[in-house]
């Protein structure tokens, strides 16, 4: 039975950390949406929360873009040598 490589373990840890980060962002957005739907926030608090949601959505978007680039690099590692 072969042992996984150190770089393979690092990749698995990095992917797990990325998944955890994205899951955390999603959870925070869902909690914020629930607060906004509750109608219990003042107008100022709701406006602040909407701004926070925009920032969280930006972070989630950046994380997804990072994953897409990383996935493209893994599937086509020699593409940069063609250019």
PDB file of N, CA and C in Angstrom:
ATOM      1  N   UNK A   1       0.846  -1.185   0.000  1.00  0.00           N
ATOM      2  CA  UNK A   1       0.000   0.000   0.000  1.00  0.00           C
ATOM      3  C   UNK A   1       0.888   1.244   0.000  1.00  0.00           C
ATOM      4  N   UNK A   2       0.631   2.188  -0.892  1.00  0.00           N
ATOM      5  CA  UNK A   2       1.471   3.375  -0.993  1.00  0.00           C
ATOM      6  C   UNK A   2       0.963   4.464  -0.077  1.00  0.00           C
ATOM      7  N   UNK A   3       1.886   5.257   0.387  1.00  0.00           N
ATOM      8  CA  UNK A   3       1.557   6.406   1.234  1.00  0.00           C
ATOM      9  C   UNK A   3       1.271   7.603   0.350  1.00  0.00           C
ATOM     10  N   UNK A   4       0.313   8.438   0.715  1.00  0.00           N
ATOM     11  CA  UNK A   4       0.075   9.645  -0.067  1.00  0.00           C
ATOM     12  C   UNK A   4       1.286  10.568   0.029  1.00  0.00           C
ATOM     13  N   UNK A   5       1.545  11.299  -1.047  1.00  0.00           N
ATOM     14  CA  UNK A   5       2.676  12.221  -1.045  1.00  0.00           C
ATOM     15  C   UNK A   5       2.376  13.418  -0.148  1.00  0.00           C
ATOM     16  N   UNK A   6       3.457  14.071   0.281  1.00  0.00           N
ATOM     17  CA  UNK A   6       3.300  15.261   1.119  1.00  0.00           C
ATOM     18  C   UNK A   6       2.551  16.343   0.362  1.00  0.00           C
ATOM     19  N   UNK A   7       2.890  16.511  -0.928  1.00  0.00           N
ATOM     20  CA  UNK A   7       2.198  17.545  -1.707  1.00  0.00           C
ATOM     21  C   UNK A   7       0.725  17.188  -1.879  1.00  0.00           C
ATOM     22  N   UNK A   8       0.417  15.901  -2.010  1.00  0.00           N
ATOM     23  CA  UNK A   8      -0.976  15.473  -2.092  1.00  0.00           C
ATOM     24  C   UNK A   8      -1.732  15.767  -0.819  1.00  0.00           C
ATOM     25  N   UNK A   9      -1.073  15.535   0.315  1.00  0.00           N
ATOM     26  CA  UNK A   9      -1.697  15.850   1.610  1.00  0.00           C
ATOM     27  C   UNK A   9      -1.923  17.344   1.746  1.00  0.00           C
ATOM     28  N   UNK A  10      -0.927  18.135   1.316  1.00  0.00           N
ATOM     29  CA  UNK A  10      -1.079  19.597   1.377  1.00  0.00           C
ATOM     30  C   UNK A  10      -2.251  20.045   0.518  1.00  0.00           C
ATOM     31  N   UNK A  11      -2.366  19.459  -0.681  1.00  0.00           N
ATOM     32  CA  UNK A  11      -3.477  19.816  -1.569  1.00  0.00           C
ATOM     33  C   UNK A  11      -4.806  19.484  -0.918  1.00  0.00           C
ATOM     34  N   UNK A  12      -4.895  18.308  -0.278  1.00  0.00           N
ATOM     35  CA  UNK A  12      -6.139  17.922   0.394  1.00  0.00           C
ATOM     36  C   UNK A  12      -6.468  18.872   1.535  1.00  0.00           C
ATOM     37  N   UNK A  13      -5.453  19.266   2.311  1.00  0.00           N
ATOM     38  CA  UNK A  13      -5.667  20.201   3.414  1.00  0.00           C
ATOM     39  C   UNK A  13      -6.099  21.551   2.874  1.00  0.00           C
ATOM     40  N   UNK A  14      -5.440  22.003   1.795  1.00  0.00           N
ATOM     41  CA  UNK A  14      -5.792  23.300   1.202  1.00  0.00           C
ATOM     42  C   UNK A  14      -7.216  23.276   0.664  1.00  0.00           C
ATOM     43  N   UNK A  15      -7.596  22.179  -0.007  1.00  0.00           N
ATOM     44  CA  UNK A  15      -8.957  22.080  -0.543  1.00  0.00           C
ATOM     45  C   UNK A  15      -9.968  22.042   0.592  1.00  0.00           C
ATOM     46  N   UNK A  16      -9.640  21.360   1.672  1.00  0.00           N
ATOM     47  CA  UNK A  16     -10.541  21.308   2.821  1.00  0.00           C
ATOM     48  C   UNK A  16     -10.694  22.690   3.451  1.00  0.00           C
ATOM     49  N   UNK A  17      -9.583  23.418   3.554  1.00  0.00           N
ATOM     50  CA  UNK A  17      -9.636  24.767   4.120  1.00  0.00           C
ATOM     51  C   UNK A  17     -10.464  25.688   3.231  1.00  0.00           C
ATOM     52  N   UNK A  18     -10.306  25.549   1.902  1.00  0.00           N
ATOM     53  CA  UNK A  18     -11.091  26.363   0.985  1.00  0.00           C
ATOM     54  C   UNK A  18     -12.575  26.038   1.111  1.00  0.00           C
ATOM     55  N   UNK A  19     -12.890  24.752   1.231  1.00  0.00           N
ATOM     56  CA  UNK A  19     -14.287  24.349   1.380  1.00  0.00           C
ATOM     57  C   UNK A  19     -14.850  24.911   2.672  1.00  0.00           C
ATOM     58  N   UNK A  20     -14.046  24.831   3.747  1.00  0.00           N
ATOM     59  CA  UNK A  20     -14.491  25.370   5.030  1.00  0.00           C
ATOM     60  C   UNK A  20     -14.725  26.870   4.925  1.00  0.00           C
ATOM     61  N   UNK A  21     -13.832  27.574   4.225  1.00  0.00           N
ATOM     62  CA  UNK A  21     -13.969  29.018   4.064  1.00  0.00           C
ATOM     63  C   UNK A  21     -15.238  29.356   3.289  1.00  0.00           C
ATOM     64  N   UNK A  22     -15.470  28.661   2.199  1.00  0.00           N
ATOM     65  CA  UNK A  22     -16.668  28.921   1.399  1.00  0.00           C
ATOM     66  C   UNK A  22     -17.925  28.549   2.184  1.00  0.00           C
ATOM     67  N   UNK A  23     -17.884  27.433   2.895  1.00  0.00           N
ATOM     68  CA  UNK A  23     -19.032  27.039   3.718  1.00  0.00           C
ATOM     69  C   UNK A  23     -19.321  28.086   4.785  1.00  0.00           C
ATOM     70  N   UNK A  24     -18.272  28.640   5.377  1.00  0.00           N
ATOM     71  CA  UNK A  24     -18.455  29.679   6.401  1.00  0.00           C
ATOM     72  C   UNK A  24     -19.088  30.929   5.783  1.00  0.00           C
ATOM     73  N   UNK A  25     -18.628  31.316   4.606  1.00  0.00           N
ATOM     74  CA  UNK A  25     -19.211  32.480   3.933  1.00  0.00           C
ATOM     75  C   UNK A  25     -20.685  32.244   3.626  1.00  0.00           C
ATOM     76  N   UNK A  26     -21.008  31.049   3.155  1.00  0.00           N
ATOM     77  CA  UNK A  26     -22.402  30.711   2.847  1.00  0.00           C
ATOM     78  C   UNK A  26     -23.251  30.755   4.112  1.00  0.00           C
ATOM     79  N   UNK A  27     -22.738  30.179   5.191  1.00  0.00           N
ATOM     80  CA  UNK A  27     -23.477  30.205   6.458  1.00  0.00           C
ATOM     81  C   UNK A  27     -23.735  31.634   6.918  1.00  0.00           C
ATOM     82  N   UNK A  28     -22.711  32.483   6.812  1.00  0.00           N
ATOM     83  CA  UNK A  28     -22.874  33.875   7.239  1.00  0.00           C
ATOM     84  C   UNK A  28     -23.911  34.596   6.377  1.00  0.00           C
ATOM     85  N   UNK A  29     -23.898  34.340   5.072  1.00  0.00           N
ATOM     86  CA  UNK A  29     -24.885  34.955   4.187  1.00  0.00           C
ATOM     87  C   UNK A  29     -26.297  34.466   4.503  1.00  0.00           C
ATOM     88  N   UNK A  30     -26.431  33.165   4.785  1.00  0.00           N
ATOM     89  CA  UNK A  30     -27.749  32.620   5.130  1.00  0.00           C
ATOM     90  C   UNK A  30     -28.274  33.200   6.439  1.00  0.00           C
ATOM     91  N   UNK A  31     -27.394  33.356   7.419  1.00  0.00           N
ATOM     92  CA  UNK A  31     -27.820  33.958   8.693  1.00  0.00           C
ATOM     93  C   UNK A  31     -28.240  35.409   8.491  1.00  0.00           C
ATOM     94  N   UNK A  32     -27.484  36.128   7.665  1.00  0.00           N
ATOM     95  CA  UNK A  32     -27.818  37.528   7.397  1.00  0.00           C
ATOM     96  C   UNK A  32     -29.160  37.624   6.673  1.00  0.00           C
ATOM     97  N   UNK A  33     -29.385  36.736   5.717  1.00  0.00           N
ATOM     98  CA  UNK A  33     -30.661  36.741   4.991  1.00  0.00           C
ATOM     99  C   UNK A  33     -31.817  36.473   5.944  1.00  0.00           C
ATOM    100  N   UNK A  34     -31.626  35.554   6.876  1.00  0.00           N
ATOM    101  CA  UNK A  34     -32.675  35.249   7.858  1.00  0.00           C
ATOM    102  C   UNK A  34     -32.962  36.464   8.725  1.00  0.00           C
ATOM    103  N   UNK A  35     -31.918  37.173   9.128  1.00  0.00           N
ATOM    104  CA  UNK A  35     -32.118  38.382   9.937  1.00  0.00           C
ATOM    105  C   UNK A  35     -32.887  39.437   9.151  1.00  0.00           C
ATOM    106  N   UNK A  36     -32.514  39.596   7.874  1.00  0.00           N
ATOM    107  CA  UNK A  36     -33.201  40.594   7.054  1.00  0.00           C
ATOM    108  C   UNK A  36     -34.660  40.228   6.847  1.00  0.00           C
ATOM    109  N   UNK A  37     -34.943  38.945   6.627  1.00  0.00           N
ATOM    110  CA  UNK A  37     -36.323  38.504   6.425  1.00  0.00           C
ATOM    111  C   UNK A  37     -37.160  38.636   7.697  1.00  0.00           C
ATOM    112  N   UNK A  38     -36.508  38.573   8.841  1.00  0.00           N
ATOM    113  CA  UNK A  38     -37.257  38.616  10.101  1.00  0.00           C
ATOM    114  C   UNK A  38     -37.982  39.948  10.294  1.00  0.00           C
ATOM    115  N   UNK A  39     -37.440  41.000   9.700  1.00  0.00           N
ATOM    116  CA  UNK A  39     -38.053  42.315   9.847  1.00  0.00           C
ATOM    117  C   UNK A  39     -37.815  42.947  11.205  1.00  0.00           C
ATOM    118  N   UNK A  40     -36.961  42.358  12.013  1.00  0.00           N
ATOM    119  CA  UNK A  40     -36.713  42.855  13.369  1.00  0.00           C
ATOM    120  C   UNK A  40     -35.594  43.882  13.439  1.00  0.00           C
ATOM    121  N   UNK A  41     -34.911  44.148  12.333  1.00  0.00           N
ATOM    122  CA  UNK A  41     -33.791  45.082  12.340  1.00  0.00           C
ATOM    123  C   UNK A  41     -34.270  46.494  12.044  1.00  0.00           C
ATOM    124  N   UNK A  42     -33.586  47.455  12.635  1.00  0.00           N
ATOM    125  CA  UNK A  42     -33.864  48.847  12.281  1.00  0.00           C
ATOM    126  C   UNK A  42     -33.384  49.081  10.856  1.00  0.00           C
ATOM    127  N   UNK A  43     -33.790  50.184  10.282  1.00  0.00           N
ATOM    128  CA  UNK A  43     -33.371  50.498   8.921  1.00  0.00           C
ATOM    129  C   UNK A  43     -31.853  50.615   8.824  1.00  0.00           C
ATOM    130  N   UNK A  44     -31.249  51.252   9.813  1.00  0.00           N
ATOM    131  CA  UNK A  44     -29.793  51.413   9.795  1.00  0.00           C
ATOM    132  C   UNK A  44     -29.086  50.064   9.926  1.00  0.00           C
ATOM    133  N   UNK A  45     -29.580  49.215  10.818  1.00  0.00           N
ATOM    134  CA  UNK A  45     -28.975  47.898  11.002  1.00  0.00           C
ATOM    135  C   UNK A  45     -29.138  47.052   9.743  1.00  0.00           C
ATOM    136  N   UNK A  46     -30.295  47.144   9.110  1.00  0.00           N
ATOM    137  CA  UNK A  46     -30.536  46.389   7.877  1.00  0.00           C
ATOM    138  C   UNK A  46     -29.619  46.887   6.762  1.00  0.00           C
ATOM    139  N   UNK A  47     -29.443  48.182   6.663  1.00  0.00           N
ATOM    140  CA  UNK A  47     -28.560  48.744   5.637  1.00  0.00           C
ATOM    141  C   UNK A  47     -27.116  48.285   5.858  1.00  0.00           C
ATOM    142  N   UNK A  48     -26.686  48.277   7.098  1.00  0.00           N
ATOM    143  CA  UNK A  48     -25.341  47.812   7.421  1.00  0.00           C
ATOM    144  C   UNK A  48     -25.191  46.336   7.081  1.00  0.00           C
ATOM    145  N   UNK A  49     -26.203  45.557   7.383  1.00  0.00           N
ATOM    146  CA  UNK A  49     -26.163  44.125   7.098  1.00  0.00           C
ATOM    147  C   UNK A  49     -26.138  43.864   5.593  1.00  0.00           C
ATOM    148  N   UNK A  50     -26.857  44.654   4.833  1.00  0.00           N
ATOM    149  CA  UNK A  50     -26.842  44.516   3.375  1.00  0.00           C
ATOM    150  C   UNK A  50     -25.432  44.813   2.847  1.00  0.00           C
ATOM    151  N   UNK A  51     -24.787  45.829   3.382  1.00  0.00           N
ATOM    152  CA  UNK A  51     -23.409  46.135   2.986  1.00  0.00           C
ATOM    153  C   UNK A  51     -22.476  44.978   3.341  1.00  0.00           C
ATOM    154  N   UNK A  52     -22.673  44.404   4.525  1.00  0.00           N
ATOM    155  CA  UNK A  52     -21.868  43.247   4.936  1.00  0.00           C
ATOM    156  C   UNK A  52     -22.090  42.065   3.992  1.00  0.00           C
ATOM    157  N   UNK A  53     -23.337  41.876   3.578  1.00  0.00           N
ATOM    158  CA  UNK A  53     -23.652  40.788   2.640  1.00  0.00           C
ATOM    159  C   UNK A  53     -22.944  40.998   1.308  1.00  0.00           C
ATOM    160  N   UNK A  54     -22.885  42.228   0.853  1.00  0.00           N
ATOM    161  CA  UNK A  54     -22.196  42.520  -0.403  1.00  0.00           C
ATOM    162  C   UNK A  54     -20.717  42.170  -0.285  1.00  0.00           C
ATOM    163  N   UNK A  55     -20.116  42.497   0.851  1.00  0.00           N
ATOM    164  CA  UNK A  55     -18.707  42.166   1.067  1.00  0.00           C
ATOM    165  C   UNK A  55     -18.511  40.650   1.133  1.00  0.00           C
ATOM    166  N   UNK A  56     -19.412  39.954   1.825  1.00  0.00           N
ATOM    167  CA  UNK A  56     -19.324  38.495   1.913  1.00  0.00           C
ATOM    168  C   UNK A  56     -19.493  37.848   0.545  1.00  0.00           C
ATOM    169  N   UNK A  57     -20.420  38.369  -0.238  1.00  0.00           N
ATOM    170  CA  UNK A  57     -20.637  37.836  -1.584  1.00  0.00           C
ATOM    171  C   UNK A  57     -19.391  38.047  -2.444  1.00  0.00           C
ATOM    172  N   UNK A  58     -18.733  39.176  -2.259  1.00  0.00           N
ATOM    173  CA  UNK A  58     -17.483  39.429  -2.978  1.00  0.00           C
ATOM    174  C   UNK A  58     -16.404  38.431  -2.590  1.00  0.00           C
ATOM    175  N   UNK A  59     -16.308  38.126  -1.294  1.00  0.00           N
ATOM    176  CA  UNK A  59     -15.342  37.130  -0.826  1.00  0.00           C
ATOM    177  C   UNK A  59     -15.661  35.757  -1.409  1.00  0.00           C
ATOM    178  N   UNK A  60     -16.933  35.399  -1.409  1.00  0.00           N
ATOM    179  CA  UNK A  60     -17.341  34.099  -1.956  1.00  0.00           C
ATOM    180  C   UNK A  60     -17.022  34.029  -3.446  1.00  0.00           C
ATOM    181  N   UNK A  61     -17.262  35.108  -4.158  1.00  0.00           N
ATOM    182  CA  UNK A  61     -16.965  35.162  -5.584  1.00  0.00           C
ATOM    183  C   UNK A  61     -15.468  34.989  -5.828  1.00  0.00           C
ATOM    184  N   UNK A  62     -14.657  35.667  -5.039  1.00  0.00           N
ATOM    185  CA  UNK A  62     -13.202  35.545  -5.176  1.00  0.00           C
ATOM    186  C   UNK A  62     -12.750  34.113  -4.892  1.00  0.00           C
ATOM    187  N   UNK A  63     -13.343  33.486  -3.893  1.00  0.00           N
ATOM    188  CA  UNK A  63     -13.004  32.102  -3.560  1.00  0.00           C
ATOM    189  C   UNK A  63     -13.371  31.163  -4.704  1.00  0.00           C
ATOM    190  N   UNK A  64     -14.536  31.360  -5.299  1.00  0.00           N
ATOM    191  CA  UNK A  64     -14.951  30.522  -6.424  1.00  0.00           C
ATOM    192  C   UNK A  64     -14.054  30.739  -7.642  1.00  0.00           C
ATOM    193  N   UNK A  65     -13.667  31.977  -7.898  1.00  0.00           N
ATOM    194  CA  UNK A  65     -12.756  32.252  -9.005  1.00  0.00           C
ATOM    195  C   UNK A  65     -11.408  31.583  -8.770  1.00  0.00           C
ATOM    196  N   UNK A  66     -10.927  31.638  -7.530  1.00  0.00           N
ATOM    197  CA  UNK A  66      -9.667  30.990  -7.175  1.00  0.00           C
ATOM    198  C   UNK A  66      -9.752  29.491  -7.426  1.00  0.00           C
ATOM    199  N   UNK A  67     -10.851  28.890  -7.009  1.00  0.00           N
ATOM    200  CA  UNK A  67     -11.041  27.452  -7.224  1.00  0.00           C
ATOM    201  C   UNK A  67     -11.096  27.110  -8.704  1.00  0.00           C
ATOM    202  N   UNK A  68     -11.767  27.944  -9.480  1.00  0.00           N
ATOM    203  CA  UNK A  68     -11.872  27.690 -10.916  1.00  0.00           C
ATOM    204  C   UNK A  68     -10.499  27.768 -11.572  1.00  0.00           C
ATOM    205  N   UNK A  69      -9.703  28.777 -11.206  1.00  0.00           N
ATOM    206  CA  UNK A  69      -8.351  28.890 -11.762  1.00  0.00           C
ATOM    207  C   UNK A  69      -7.501  27.702 -11.344  1.00  0.00           C
ATOM    208  N   UNK A  70      -7.620  27.319 -10.089  1.00  0.00           N
ATOM    209  CA  UNK A  70      -6.840  26.198  -9.577  1.00  0.00           C
ATOM    210  C   UNK A  70      -7.235  24.904 -10.283  1.00  0.00           C
ATOM    211  N   UNK A  71      -8.510  24.699 -10.505  1.00  0.00           N
ATOM    212  CA  UNK A  71      -8.983  23.517 -11.207  1.00  0.00           C
ATOM    213  C   UNK A  71      -8.519  23.499 -12.652  1.00  0.00           C
ATOM    214  N   UNK A  72      -8.511  24.659 -13.299  1.00  0.00           N
ATOM    215  CA  UNK A  72      -8.053  24.735 -14.681  1.00  0.00           C
ATOM    216  C   UNK A  72      -6.569  24.418 -14.772  1.00  0.00           C
ATOM    217  N   UNK A  73      -5.795  24.880 -13.804  1.00  0.00           N
ATOM    218  CA  UNK A  73      -4.358  24.595 -13.787  1.00  0.00           C
ATOM    219  C   UNK A  73      -4.095  23.113 -13.581  1.00  0.00           C
ATOM    220  N   UNK A  74      -4.893  22.468 -12.757  1.00  0.00           N
ATOM    221  CA  UNK A  74      -4.703  21.051 -12.482  1.00  0.00           C
ATOM    222  C   UNK A  74      -5.036  20.205 -13.704  1.00  0.00           C
ATOM    223  N   UNK A  75      -6.016  20.633 -14.482  1.00  0.00           N
ATOM    224  CA  UNK A  75      -6.448  19.847 -15.628  1.00  0.00           C
ATOM    225  C   UNK A  75      -5.643  20.130 -16.891  1.00  0.00           C
ATOM    226  N   UNK A  76      -4.983  21.238 -16.950  1.00  0.00           N
ATOM    227  CA  UNK A  76      -4.214  21.597 -18.145  1.00  0.00           C
ATOM    228  C   UNK A  76      -2.877  22.209 -17.743  1.00  0.00           C
ATOM    229  N   UNK A  77      -2.001  21.454 -17.076  1.00  0.00           N
ATOM    230  CA  UNK A  77      -0.759  22.047 -16.568  1.00  0.00           C
ATOM    231  C   UNK A  77       0.202  22.513 -17.656  1.00  0.00           C
ATOM    232  N   UNK A  78       0.122  21.991 -18.851  1.00  0.00           N
ATOM    233  CA  UNK A  78       1.073  22.356 -19.883  1.00  0.00           C
ATOM    234  C   UNK A  78       0.566  23.460 -20.807  1.00  0.00           C
ATOM    235  N   UNK A  79      -0.606  23.970 -20.572  1.00  0.00           N
ATOM    236  CA  UNK A  79      -1.178  24.977 -21.457  1.00  0.00           C
ATOM    237  C   UNK A  79      -0.311  26.228 -21.519  1.00  0.00           C
ATOM    238  N   UNK A  80       0.325  26.620 -20.417  1.00  0.00           N
ATOM    239  CA  UNK A  80       1.132  27.829 -20.430  1.00  0.00           C
ATOM    240  C   UNK A  80       2.377  27.673 -21.302  1.00  0.00           C
ATOM    241  N   UNK A  81       2.846  26.463 -21.536  1.00  0.00           N
ATOM    242  CA  UNK A  81       4.022  26.265 -22.367  1.00  0.00           C
ATOM    243  C   UNK A  81       3.695  26.411 -23.845  1.00  0.00           C
ATOM    244  N   UNK A  82       2.441  26.351 -24.207  1.00  0.00           N
ATOM    245  CA  UNK A  82       2.060  26.506 -25.597  1.00  0.00           C
ATOM    246  C   UNK A  82       2.094  27.958 -26.052  1.00  0.00           C
ATOM    247  N   UNK A  83       1.984  28.848 -25.120  1.00  0.00           N
ATOM    248  CA  UNK A  83       1.904  30.273 -25.471  1.00  0.00           C
ATOM    249  C   UNK A  83       3.235  30.882 -25.593  1.00  0.00           C
TER     250      UNK A  83
END
